[in-house]
Amino acid sequence: MPIHDALIEAQKLLGRLWKEEQSPERERILECAGYTLSFISATGQHYRFEDFRKNLASDSPARVESRTLAPNEPGAAGSANIRELLARTHGFFNQLLAGPNCTNDHEPIRILLDVFHYIVLNGEFVALDEHMQRLEAGAPPRVIAAFGTQAEATTWLENTSEPPSRALVLIGDQYHQAVYLRDINHRKVMPWPAMEYYLAELVQDVPPIPVASFASREMAEAWLKAQAEPPDREWVMIAGAVHLAVNHANVQRRALYPLSMADGYTINLEVEPEPSRPD
C-alpha cells in the first residue's frame, strides 16, 4: 500500500477509536496519535518515513511487537511532557495490538507505532511539540519555505536532493503546494487554497473582531512589520474590509489575507460514519 494511503488508514483507525464519552487520558492519547500523523504530512516526510519503515522491517520479524518506547532513549531531546505523552500513547497502541479483537487493525496500528519511533529516533520531539502547540492554538496552516517568485520555488524543488513529498510553501504571500512523486521523479509547485479553507473555518470559531483599523493596506503592512513579536494571527480592518494578519514566523514572513478569500469555500462539518464492524 502506498505510504500516503497507509497514513490515511491509520487516521481512519483513530476515527473508529474515538468515542463521544471517553476518559480524558484516552482522549489525549488519541489526539497525540493524530498530531503525529499530521506532523508527517505537514512536513512532507512521507518518503523518509517509508524508508524508515523498510529499515525497521529488516531488523526483526517482530519489529513492532518487541519494541518499547522509552522517553529518555537516544534522540529524545525536547519537551519532557511531549516525550512522556508519546511514550503513553505508544503503550496504549502496543496493548491494542496485543489484544484479541484487533485483527483488522494490525497494519494501521503498526503504522502508528512506527511513526512514534520515527519521531523519537530522528530527534523530532521539538518540532512535534511546536506542531502540536500550533494545531491546538488554531494557528494558520504551516509552510516549510517562502519564495518571492514561482521560478524561485520551482528551482528550489528541482534542486533539492530530498524534497518534501507534499508540503505547503509561500510564493509572495500566497499558499502553494510543493509536490514530489518519487517513483516518477515528478516535481511541481502549484497554487493551493489552504488559507481560503482556513479562513472559512476560522470565522466560524473566532469572531472577526479587529484589534486595529487602517485606512490603507500600506498602513496595515507598516504596523505589522513594526510588531516586535506578533501573534500567529490577528483580525484587523483595512479600508472597511476584515483581514487576517498572519505571522509566518518560521520563514520570517508576515502577511495580510482578506476574509473575502473565504467566499465560496465551505467546511463540511458532517462526518460520514464508518461502516459497522462485527465484534
C-alpha atoms as a PDB file:
ATOM      1  CA  MET A   1       0.000   0.000   0.000  1.00  0.00           C
ATOM      2  CA  PRO A   2       1.385   3.471  -0.878  1.00  0.00           C
ATOM      3  CA  ILE A   3       2.597   5.300   2.215  1.00  0.00           C
ATOM      4  CA  HIS A   4       0.106   8.149   1.740  1.00  0.00           C
ATOM      5  CA  ASP A   5      -2.777   5.664   1.773  1.00  0.00           C
ATOM      6  CA  ALA A   6      -1.329   3.811   4.773  1.00  0.00           C
ATOM      7  CA  LEU A   7      -1.271   7.029   6.805  1.00  0.00           C
ATOM      8  CA  ILE A   8      -4.888   7.703   5.826  1.00  0.00           C
ATOM      9  CA  GLU A   9      -5.862   4.229   7.048  1.00  0.00           C
ATOM     10  CA  ALA A  10      -4.160   4.983  10.373  1.00  0.00           C
ATOM     11  CA  GLN A  11      -6.164   8.201  10.604  1.00  0.00           C
ATOM     12  CA  LYS A  12      -9.375   6.268   9.930  1.00  0.00           C
ATOM     13  CA  LEU A  13      -8.477   3.918  12.776  1.00  0.00           C
ATOM     14  CA  LEU A  14      -8.272   6.887  15.145  1.00  0.00           C
ATOM     15  CA  GLY A  15     -11.726   7.934  13.991  1.00  0.00           C
ATOM     16  CA  ARG A  16     -13.097   4.489  14.824  1.00  0.00           C
ATOM     17  CA  LEU A  17     -11.479   4.548  18.250  1.00  0.00           C
ATOM     18  CA  TRP A  18     -12.875   7.946  19.152  1.00  0.00           C
ATOM     19  CA  LYS A  19     -15.884   7.861  21.463  1.00  0.00           C
ATOM     20  CA  GLU A  20     -18.299  10.592  22.449  1.00  0.00           C
ATOM     21  CA  GLU A  21     -17.746   9.693  26.079  1.00  0.00           C
ATOM     22  CA  GLN A  22     -14.245   8.619  26.984  1.00  0.00           C
ATOM     23  CA  SER A  23     -11.677   9.322  29.659  1.00  0.00           C
ATOM     24  CA  PRO A  24      -9.516  12.456  29.394  1.00  0.00           C
ATOM     25  CA  GLU A  25      -6.466  10.175  29.202  1.00  0.00           C
ATOM     26  CA  ARG A  26      -7.774   8.235  26.203  1.00  0.00           C
ATOM     27  CA  GLU A  27      -8.820  11.473  24.520  1.00  0.00           C
ATOM     28  CA  ARG A  28      -5.348  12.944  24.979  1.00  0.00           C
ATOM     29  CA  ILE A  29      -3.707   9.777  23.660  1.00  0.00           C
ATOM     30  CA  LEU A  30      -5.848   9.725  20.504  1.00  0.00           C
ATOM     31  CA  GLU A  31      -5.190  13.444  19.988  1.00  0.00           C
ATOM     32  CA  CYS A  32      -1.450  12.810  20.301  1.00  0.00           C
ATOM     33  CA  ALA A  33      -1.606   9.995  17.744  1.00  0.00           C
ATOM     34  CA  GLY A  34      -3.491  12.257  15.342  1.00  0.00           C
ATOM     35  CA  TYR A  35      -0.939  15.021  15.797  1.00  0.00           C
ATOM     36  CA  THR A  36       1.914  12.678  14.919  1.00  0.00           C
ATOM     37  CA  LEU A  37       0.220  11.649  11.656  1.00  0.00           C
ATOM     38  CA  SER A  38      -0.475  15.297  10.869  1.00  0.00           C
ATOM     39  CA  PHE A  39       3.167  16.125  11.568  1.00  0.00           C
ATOM     40  CA  ILE A  40       4.419  13.630   8.985  1.00  0.00           C
ATOM     41  CA  SER A  41       2.038  15.029   6.374  1.00  0.00           C
ATOM     42  CA  ALA A  42       2.529  18.733   7.140  1.00  0.00           C
ATOM     43  CA  THR A  43       6.305  18.427   6.923  1.00  0.00           C
ATOM     44  CA  GLY A  44       6.239  16.318   3.761  1.00  0.00           C
ATOM     45  CA  GLN A  45       8.127  13.391   5.303  1.00  0.00           C
ATOM     46  CA  HIS A  46       6.126  10.568   3.720  1.00  0.00           C
ATOM     47  CA  TYR A  47       9.051   9.089   1.802  1.00  0.00           C
ATOM     48  CA  ARG A  48      11.534   9.484   4.645  1.00  0.00           C
ATOM     49  CA  PHE A  49       9.073   7.643   6.876  1.00  0.00           C
ATOM     50  CA  GLU A  50       8.519   4.968   4.228  1.00  0.00           C
ATOM     51  CA  ASP A  51      12.287   4.336   4.026  1.00  0.00           C
ATOM     52  CA  PHE A  52      12.472   4.246   7.831  1.00  0.00           C
ATOM     53  CA  ARG A  53       9.771   1.548   7.904  1.00  0.00           C
ATOM     54  CA  LYS A  54      11.638  -0.530   5.361  1.00  0.00           C
ATOM     55  CA  ASN A  55      14.734  -0.418   7.565  1.00  0.00           C
ATOM     56  CA  LEU A  56      12.658  -1.407  10.589  1.00  0.00           C
ATOM     57  CA  ALA A  57      11.207  -4.362   8.714  1.00  0.00           C
ATOM     58  CA  SER A  58      14.667  -5.715   8.053  1.00  0.00           C
ATOM     59  CA  ASP A  59      15.628  -5.594  11.751  1.00  0.00           C
ATOM     60  CA  SER A  60      13.442  -8.393  13.057  1.00  0.00           C
ATOM     61  CA  PRO A  61      10.213 -10.205  12.191  1.00  0.00           C
ATOM     62  CA  ALA A  62       8.806  -8.953  15.491  1.00  0.00           C
ATOM     63  CA  ARG A  63       9.957  -5.376  14.945  1.00  0.00           C
ATOM     64  CA  VAL A  64       6.858  -3.721  16.438  1.00  0.00           C
ATOM     65  CA  GLU A  65       5.669  -6.236  18.975  1.00  0.00           C
ATOM     66  CA  SER A  66       9.002  -6.397  20.803  1.00  0.00           C
ATOM     67  CA  ARG A  67       9.751  -2.676  20.829  1.00  0.00           C
ATOM     68  CA  THR A  68       9.227  -0.276  23.699  1.00  0.00           C
ATOM     69  CA  LEU A  69       9.418   3.478  23.586  1.00  0.00           C
ATOM     70  CA  ALA A  70      11.431   4.896  26.452  1.00  0.00           C
ATOM     71  CA  PRO A  71      11.037   8.661  26.898  1.00  0.00           C
ATOM     72  CA  ASN A  72      14.759   9.070  27.538  1.00  0.00           C
ATOM     73  CA  GLU A  73      16.134   6.911  24.722  1.00  0.00           C
ATOM     74  CA  PRO A  74      18.666   8.412  22.273  1.00  0.00           C
ATOM     75  CA  GLY A  75      17.230  11.135  20.093  1.00  0.00           C
ATOM     76  CA  ALA A  76      14.574  12.075  22.637  1.00  0.00           C
ATOM     77  CA  ALA A  77      15.627  15.696  23.056  1.00  0.00           C
ATOM     78  CA  GLY A  78      12.804  18.161  23.631  1.00  0.00           C
ATOM     79  CA  SER A  79       9.885  18.744  25.980  1.00  0.00           C
ATOM     80  CA  ALA A  80       9.720  16.185  28.780  1.00  0.00           C
ATOM     81  CA  ASN A  81       5.930  16.420  28.675  1.00  0.00           C
ATOM     82  CA  ILE A  82       5.841  15.531  24.982  1.00  0.00           C
ATOM     83  CA  ARG A  83       8.280  12.666  25.467  1.00  0.00           C
ATOM     84  CA  GLU A  84       6.178  11.244  28.282  1.00  0.00           C
ATOM     85  CA  LEU A  85       2.902  11.708  26.363  1.00  0.00           C
ATOM     86  CA  LEU A  86       4.310   9.961  23.314  1.00  0.00           C
ATOM     87  CA  ALA A  87       5.512   7.076  25.490  1.00  0.00           C
ATOM     88  CA  ARG A  88       2.000   6.683  26.965  1.00  0.00           C
ATOM     89  CA  THR A  89       0.469   6.846  23.505  1.00  0.00           C
ATOM     90  CA  HIS A  90       2.875   4.174  22.285  1.00  0.00           C
ATOM     91  CA  GLY A  91       1.983   1.968  25.243  1.00  0.00           C
ATOM     92  CA  PHE A  92      -1.733   2.303  24.527  1.00  0.00           C
ATOM     93  CA  PHE A  93      -1.381   1.173  20.908  1.00  0.00           C
ATOM     94  CA  ASN A  94       1.082  -1.568  21.801  1.00  0.00           C
ATOM     95  CA  GLN A  95      -1.540  -3.014  24.161  1.00  0.00           C
ATOM     96  CA  LEU A  96      -4.184  -2.598  21.479  1.00  0.00           C
ATOM     97  CA  LEU A  97      -2.029  -4.548  19.045  1.00  0.00           C
ATOM     98  CA  ALA A  98      -1.706  -7.416  21.526  1.00  0.00           C
ATOM     99  CA  GLY A  99      -5.455  -7.549  22.146  1.00  0.00           C
ATOM    100  CA  PRO A 100      -7.692 -10.292  20.748  1.00  0.00           C
ATOM    101  CA  ASN A 101     -10.051  -8.036  18.752  1.00  0.00           C
ATOM    102  CA  CYS A 102      -7.717  -6.030  16.516  1.00  0.00           C
ATOM    103  CA  THR A 103      -7.193  -8.468  13.636  1.00  0.00           C
ATOM    104  CA  ASN A 104      -8.394  -5.997  11.019  1.00  0.00           C
ATOM    105  CA  ASP A 105      -6.410  -3.128  12.508  1.00  0.00           C
ATOM    106  CA  HIS A 106      -2.931  -4.655  12.741  1.00  0.00           C
ATOM    107  CA  GLU A 107      -1.422  -2.632   9.899  1.00  0.00           C
ATOM    108  CA  PRO A 108      -2.822   0.801  10.914  1.00  0.00           C
ATOM    109  CA  ILE A 109      -1.599   0.185  14.473  1.00  0.00           C
ATOM    110  CA  ARG A 110       1.843  -0.784  13.191  1.00  0.00           C
ATOM    111  CA  ILE A 111       1.901   2.420  11.142  1.00  0.00           C
ATOM    112  CA  LEU A 112       1.213   4.457  14.273  1.00  0.00           C
ATOM    113  CA  LEU A 113       3.830   2.627  16.327  1.00  0.00           C
ATOM    114  CA  ASP A 114       6.398   3.176  13.598  1.00  0.00           C
ATOM    115  CA  VAL A 115       5.528   6.881  13.421  1.00  0.00           C
ATOM    116  CA  PHE A 116       6.226   7.187  17.148  1.00  0.00           C
ATOM    117  CA  HIS A 117       9.632   5.505  16.750  1.00  0.00           C
ATOM    118  CA  TYR A 118      10.414   7.629  13.711  1.00  0.00           C
ATOM    119  CA  ILE A 119       9.848  10.830  15.673  1.00  0.00           C
ATOM    120  CA  VAL A 120      11.967   9.662  18.598  1.00  0.00           C
ATOM    121  CA  LEU A 121      14.881   8.192  16.671  1.00  0.00           C
ATOM    122  CA  ASN A 122      15.086  11.193  14.342  1.00  0.00           C
ATOM    123  CA  GLY A 123      15.073  13.677  17.210  1.00  0.00           C
ATOM    124  CA  GLU A 124      11.800  15.301  16.093  1.00  0.00           C
ATOM    125  CA  PHE A 125      10.417  15.988  19.576  1.00  0.00           C
ATOM    126  CA  VAL A 126      10.949  19.749  19.468  1.00  0.00           C
ATOM    127  CA  ALA A 127       9.387  20.048  16.003  1.00  0.00           C
ATOM    128  CA  LEU A 128       6.447  17.833  17.039  1.00  0.00           C
ATOM    129  CA  ASP A 129       5.941  19.892  20.199  1.00  0.00           C
ATOM    130  CA  GLU A 130       5.764  23.074  18.130  1.00  0.00           C
ATOM    131  CA  HIS A 131       3.406  21.426  15.630  1.00  0.00           C
ATOM    132  CA  MET A 132       1.058  20.316  18.410  1.00  0.00           C
ATOM    133  CA  GLN A 133       1.033  23.757  20.006  1.00  0.00           C
ATOM    134  CA  ARG A 134       0.172  25.371  16.668  1.00  0.00           C
ATOM    135  CA  LEU A 135      -2.679  22.942  15.994  1.00  0.00           C
ATOM    136  CA  GLU A 136      -4.102  23.338  19.491  1.00  0.00           C
ATOM    137  CA  ALA A 137      -3.932  27.129  19.162  1.00  0.00           C
ATOM    138  CA  GLY A 138      -5.644  27.024  15.762  1.00  0.00           C
ATOM    139  CA  ALA A 139      -2.694  28.696  14.044  1.00  0.00           C
ATOM    140  CA  PRO A 140      -2.712  29.252  10.253  1.00  0.00           C
ATOM    141  CA  PRO A 141      -1.502  26.412   8.000  1.00  0.00           C
ATOM    142  CA  ARG A 142       2.240  25.996   8.386  1.00  0.00           C
ATOM    143  CA  VAL A 143       4.588  26.490   5.461  1.00  0.00           C
ATOM    144  CA  ILE A 144       8.067  25.000   5.217  1.00  0.00           C
ATOM    145  CA  ALA A 145       9.603  27.634   2.927  1.00  0.00           C
ATOM    146  CA  ALA A 146       8.912  31.033   1.343  1.00  0.00           C
ATOM    147  CA  PHE A 147       9.879  32.411  -2.063  1.00  0.00           C
ATOM    148  CA  GLY A 148       9.486  35.615  -3.979  1.00  0.00           C
ATOM    149  CA  THR A 149       8.533  34.058  -7.321  1.00  0.00           C
ATOM    150  CA  GLN A 150       7.246  30.852  -8.861  1.00  0.00           C
ATOM    151  CA  ALA A 151      10.588  30.408 -10.614  1.00  0.00           C
ATOM    152  CA  GLU A 152      12.466  30.519  -7.301  1.00  0.00           C
ATOM    153  CA  ALA A 153      10.154  27.916  -5.779  1.00  0.00           C
ATOM    154  CA  THR A 154      10.428  25.651  -8.816  1.00  0.00           C
ATOM    155  CA  THR A 155      14.221  25.895  -8.835  1.00  0.00           C
ATOM    156  CA  TRP A 156      14.336  25.026  -5.143  1.00  0.00           C
ATOM    157  CA  LEU A 157      12.132  21.972  -5.610  1.00  0.00           C
ATOM    158  CA  GLU A 158      14.034  20.742  -8.667  1.00  0.00           C
ATOM    159  CA  ASN A 159      17.426  21.059  -6.958  1.00  0.00           C
ATOM    160  CA  THR A 160      16.515  19.636  -3.549  1.00  0.00           C
ATOM    161  CA  SER A 161      18.041  16.179  -3.143  1.00  0.00           C
ATOM    162  CA  GLU A 162      15.362  15.041  -0.695  1.00  0.00           C
ATOM    163  CA  PRO A 163      12.279  17.188  -1.453  1.00  0.00           C
ATOM    164  CA  PRO A 164       9.103  17.071   0.625  1.00  0.00           C
ATOM    165  CA  SER A 165       6.509  14.690  -0.752  1.00  0.00           C
ATOM    166  CA  ARG A 166       3.705  17.198  -0.196  1.00  0.00           C
ATOM    167  CA  ALA A 167       4.098  20.399   1.800  1.00  0.00           C
ATOM    168  CA  LEU A 168       2.906  23.980   1.800  1.00  0.00           C
ATOM    169  CA  VAL A 169       5.146  26.862   0.741  1.00  0.00           C
ATOM    170  CA  LEU A 170       4.607  30.577   0.192  1.00  0.00           C
ATOM    171  CA  ILE A 171       5.172  32.388  -3.082  1.00  0.00           C
ATOM    172  CA  GLY A 172       4.836  36.024  -2.212  1.00  0.00           C
ATOM    173  CA  ASP A 173       2.052  35.811   0.351  1.00  0.00           C
ATOM    174  CA  GLN A 174       0.101  33.088  -1.450  1.00  0.00           C
ATOM    175  CA  TYR A 175      -0.062  29.458  -0.413  1.00  0.00           C
ATOM    176  CA  HIS A 176       1.192  26.795  -2.818  1.00  0.00           C
ATOM    177  CA  GLN A 177       1.761  23.074  -2.503  1.00  0.00           C
ATOM    178  CA  ALA A 178       5.106  21.546  -3.375  1.00  0.00           C
ATOM    179  CA  VAL A 179       4.539  18.033  -4.710  1.00  0.00           C
ATOM    180  CA  TYR A 180       7.100  15.290  -5.290  1.00  0.00           C
ATOM    181  CA  LEU A 181       6.256  11.838  -6.664  1.00  0.00           C
ATOM    182  CA  ARG A 182       9.368   9.785  -6.101  1.00  0.00           C
ATOM    183  CA  ASP A 183       8.528   6.840  -8.364  1.00  0.00           C
ATOM    184  CA  ILE A 184       8.484   9.039 -11.468  1.00  0.00           C
ATOM    185  CA  ASN A 185      10.582  11.936 -10.122  1.00  0.00           C
ATOM    186  CA  HIS A 186       7.713  14.336 -10.755  1.00  0.00           C
ATOM    187  CA  ARG A 187       8.093  17.721  -9.064  1.00  0.00           C
ATOM    188  CA  LYS A 188       5.613  20.579  -9.204  1.00  0.00           C
ATOM    189  CA  VAL A 189       4.674  23.716  -7.282  1.00  0.00           C
ATOM    190  CA  MET A 190       1.034  24.722  -7.695  1.00  0.00           C
ATOM    191  CA  PRO A 191      -1.452  27.133  -6.048  1.00  0.00           C
ATOM    192  CA  TRP A 192      -3.276  25.614  -3.111  1.00  0.00           C
ATOM    193  CA  PRO A 193      -6.335  27.061  -1.286  1.00  0.00           C
ATOM    194  CA  ALA A 194      -5.055  26.361   2.226  1.00  0.00           C
ATOM    195  CA  MET A 195      -5.711  29.881   3.501  1.00  0.00           C
ATOM    196  CA  GLU A 196      -9.139  30.036   1.871  1.00  0.00           C
ATOM    197  CA  TYR A 197     -10.328  26.949   3.741  1.00  0.00           C
ATOM    198  CA  TYR A 198      -8.579  28.064   6.927  1.00  0.00           C
ATOM    199  CA  LEU A 199     -10.389  31.418   6.888  1.00  0.00           C
ATOM    200  CA  ALA A 200     -13.735  29.724   6.206  1.00  0.00           C
ATOM    201  CA  GLU A 201     -13.228  27.519   9.265  1.00  0.00           C
ATOM    202  CA  LEU A 202     -11.686  30.207  11.482  1.00  0.00           C
ATOM    203  CA  VAL A 203     -14.522  32.693  11.080  1.00  0.00           C
ATOM    204  CA  GLN A 204     -16.932  30.053  12.449  1.00  0.00           C
ATOM    205  CA  ASP A 205     -14.903  29.707  15.656  1.00  0.00           C
ATOM    206  CA  VAL A 206     -13.236  33.100  16.162  1.00  0.00           C
ATOM    207  CA  PRO A 207     -15.440  36.182  15.625  1.00  0.00           C
ATOM    208  CA  PRO A 208     -13.682  38.614  13.252  1.00  0.00           C
ATOM    209  CA  ILE A 209     -13.305  41.420  15.777  1.00  0.00           C
ATOM    210  CA  PRO A 210     -10.414  43.666  14.616  1.00  0.00           C
ATOM    211  CA  VAL A 211      -7.701  44.653  17.069  1.00  0.00           C
ATOM    212  CA  ALA A 212      -6.713  47.591  14.855  1.00  0.00           C
ATOM    213  CA  SER A 213      -8.097  49.560  11.911  1.00  0.00           C
ATOM    214  CA  PHE A 214      -6.233  51.147   8.995  1.00  0.00           C
ATOM    215  CA  ALA A 215      -7.171  53.383   6.107  1.00  0.00           C
ATOM    216  CA  SER A 216      -4.899  51.551   3.655  1.00  0.00           C
ATOM    217  CA  ARG A 217      -3.071  48.276   3.164  1.00  0.00           C
ATOM    218  CA  GLU A 218       0.264  50.116   3.255  1.00  0.00           C
ATOM    219  CA  MET A 219      -0.516  51.408   6.749  1.00  0.00           C
ATOM    220  CA  ALA A 220      -1.508  47.920   7.894  1.00  0.00           C
ATOM    221  CA  GLU A 221       1.679  46.400   6.452  1.00  0.00           C
ATOM    222  CA  ALA A 222       3.797  49.033   8.232  1.00  0.00           C
ATOM    223  CA  TRP A 223       2.026  48.273  11.525  1.00  0.00           C
ATOM    224  CA  LEU A 224       2.502  44.515  11.091  1.00  0.00           C
ATOM    225  CA  LYS A 225       6.158  44.920  10.205  1.00  0.00           C
ATOM    226  CA  ALA A 226       6.774  47.081  13.286  1.00  0.00           C
ATOM    227  CA  GLN A 227       5.448  44.477  15.736  1.00  0.00           C
ATOM    228  CA  ALA A 228       8.279  43.020  17.816  1.00  0.00           C
ATOM    229  CA  GLU A 229       6.661  39.605  18.333  1.00  0.00           C
ATOM    230  CA  PRO A 230       3.266  39.457  16.625  1.00  0.00           C
ATOM    231  CA  PRO A 231       0.969  36.520  17.386  1.00  0.00           C
ATOM    232  CA  ASP A 232       0.365  33.852  14.774  1.00  0.00           C
ATOM    233  CA  ARG A 233      -2.855  35.604  13.755  1.00  0.00           C
ATOM    234  CA  GLU A 234      -4.969  38.685  14.475  1.00  0.00           C
ATOM    235  CA  TRP A 235      -8.020  40.239  12.858  1.00  0.00           C
ATOM    236  CA  VAL A 236      -7.556  43.774  11.504  1.00  0.00           C
ATOM    237  CA  MET A 237      -9.683  46.154   9.454  1.00  0.00           C
ATOM    238  CA  ILE A 238      -8.330  47.687   6.236  1.00  0.00           C
ATOM    239  CA  ALA A 239     -10.454  50.282   4.444  1.00  0.00           C
ATOM    240  CA  GLY A 240     -13.615  48.737   5.849  1.00  0.00           C
ATOM    241  CA  ALA A 241     -12.702  45.116   4.988  1.00  0.00           C
ATOM    242  CA  VAL A 242     -11.704  42.491   7.557  1.00  0.00           C
ATOM    243  CA  HIS A 243      -8.267  40.916   7.075  1.00  0.00           C
ATOM    244  CA  LEU A 244      -6.260  38.328   8.976  1.00  0.00           C
ATOM    245  CA  ALA A 245      -2.762  39.438   9.900  1.00  0.00           C
ATOM    246  CA  VAL A 246      -0.528  36.351   9.926  1.00  0.00           C
ATOM    247  CA  ASN A 247       2.979  35.878  11.241  1.00  0.00           C
ATOM    248  CA  HIS A 248       4.746  33.052   9.371  1.00  0.00           C
ATOM    249  CA  ALA A 249       7.492  33.113  11.986  1.00  0.00           C
ATOM    250  CA  ASN A 250       9.447  30.052  10.830  1.00  0.00           C
ATOM    251  CA  VAL A 251      10.028  31.582   7.370  1.00  0.00           C
ATOM    252  CA  GLN A 252      10.208  35.190   8.634  1.00  0.00           C
ATOM    253  CA  ARG A 253       7.245  36.383   6.584  1.00  0.00           C
ATOM    254  CA  ARG A 254       4.287  38.498   7.713  1.00  0.00           C
ATOM    255  CA  ALA A 255       1.209  38.757   5.528  1.00  0.00           C
ATOM    256  CA  LEU A 256      -2.338  40.100   5.324  1.00  0.00           C
ATOM    257  CA  TYR A 257      -5.187  37.969   3.993  1.00  0.00           C
ATOM    258  CA  PRO A 258      -8.651  39.431   3.293  1.00  0.00           C
ATOM    259  CA  LEU A 259     -11.503  37.478   4.837  1.00  0.00           C
ATOM    260  CA  SER A 260     -13.219  37.700   1.456  1.00  0.00           C
ATOM    261  CA  MET A 261     -10.817  34.963   0.291  1.00  0.00           C
ATOM    262  CA  ALA A 262     -13.111  32.522   2.100  1.00  0.00           C
ATOM    263  CA  ASP A 263     -16.110  33.402  -0.081  1.00  0.00           C
ATOM    264  CA  GLY A 264     -17.318  30.247  -1.800  1.00  0.00           C
ATOM    265  CA  TYR A 265     -15.314  27.937   0.455  1.00  0.00           C
ATOM    266  CA  THR A 266     -17.266  25.890   2.967  1.00  0.00           C
ATOM    267  CA  ILE A 267     -16.258  23.479   5.682  1.00  0.00           C
ATOM    268  CA  ASN A 268     -18.033  20.135   5.828  1.00  0.00           C
ATOM    269  CA  LEU A 269     -18.862  19.650   9.491  1.00  0.00           C
ATOM    270  CA  GLU A 270     -20.664  16.369   8.919  1.00  0.00           C
ATOM    271  CA  VAL A 271     -18.558  13.224   9.102  1.00  0.00           C
ATOM    272  CA  GLU A 272     -19.871  10.122   7.431  1.00  0.00           C
ATOM    273  CA  PRO A 273     -19.993   7.268   9.926  1.00  0.00           C
ATOM    274  CA  GLU A 274     -17.635   4.366   9.488  1.00  0.00           C
ATOM    275  CA  PRO A 275     -19.433   1.146   8.462  1.00  0.00           C
ATOM    276  CA  SER A 276     -20.145  -1.038  11.470  1.00  0.00           C
ATOM    277  CA  ARG A 277     -17.767  -3.878  12.164  1.00  0.00           C
ATOM    278  CA  PRO A 278     -18.520  -7.229  13.700  1.00  0.00           C
ATOM    279  CA  ASP A 279     -17.100  -7.639  17.190  1.00  0.00           C
END
